[in-house]
Every structure is written in structure tokens, then in C-alpha cells.
Amino acid sequence: MSFESLGLRAEILQAIADQGYTDPTPIQLKSIPIVAQGRDVMASAQTGTGKTAGFTLPLLQRLCEDLPPQDLSAANGAANNSANGAVGDRTKNKPTTSNGKPVLRKKGAPISSDRGSRRAIRALIVTPTRELAAQVGESVMAYSKYLPIRSAVVFGGVKINPQISKMREG
């Protein structure tokens, strides 16, 4: 079986290909369809078998169910900008005024979405260690690079204000 046969969006498939993967692992073949249905999975497999992708890929798929397909031709040239945490072109969905200028807001004010409400946290992944949180965060960023998805890794032992700011930004 291929990743295409798992029903993943073209944007996710492109990100998978960018990572150099061509075929899902056994744990991914078993877990992706279940998670894609919104069901829980408890699985165990050796390190390096793709467990993280086994739940992040269908999670991203579910988060984008209501979105139209993204233009991959424009996204293919987008580079991962690790300096500010942005990946790909995620500015095209930002609100603008009638003359096309970006909407400015006071620092700390909620950002409005297309529905006029504050962006809600739509998924939460809890890990037992900072290292695993960072690994999962990197995977989410890599697999969502062509999607209008924002993510943040939050953990203890560091300054909280920058993390709060990331959460407020959506």
C-alpha cells in the first residue's frame, strides 16, 4: 500500500514525499485509518518505525477537512523559516482591510478568524518529555508545511511569556 491509498490530502502527501518517504510502515498502515476516523489508538512499536507520523498525519488530515485544497505550485517554493517558527506561506489567510492591507491589532488582543471569533486550539498532543514534544512538534511542522496550520510546542522549564504569545497568535 501507498500513502495515497490512505486518503491523505495532496498537501500532506507532498510533505511526506519531501521527507523522503514513499511507503507507510506497518504501524502507519494500521493506525492512520483508525485515527482518521476519529477513533483512539494505543500502539507499541520500536523506535524509528513511524509512530509519530502514524497519528500526526491523520490528525492534520482531520484538521483540514473543511479547507479547500492549497495551491502546491506556490507552496513548493516555500522554505521552512525556523527563525520565527513559520513554515511555508501561511500569510495568505490573514485578515486584511478592504484595501488589502493587513489588519493591525493591539499586542495581546485576540486574533479573529474568518468567522470573527478567536482562533481555538483544535488539537492537543501531550508527551511525557520535552525531547519527545520537540520531536513531535518538528514532525507536525514538516508534515503541515503546505497547510494553513499553526502549531506550537509548549513545555515547562522555560520562559512562559513567549509560549503564551504563540498560543494567543493561534
Foldseek 3Di string as FASTA:
>chain_A
DWPVVLVAAPLLVVLCVVVVDTHAAPLLVPQLNQVLVVHDDDDDDDPPRCVLCSNLRSVVRVVCVPPDHFDVVQQVPWQQDVVVRAATPLPPQADDDPVRHGDDDDPPDAGQGPVGDGDDDDDDDDDDDLVVLVVSVVVNCSSCRRPNDHDDRDDPDDDCVVVVSSVRND
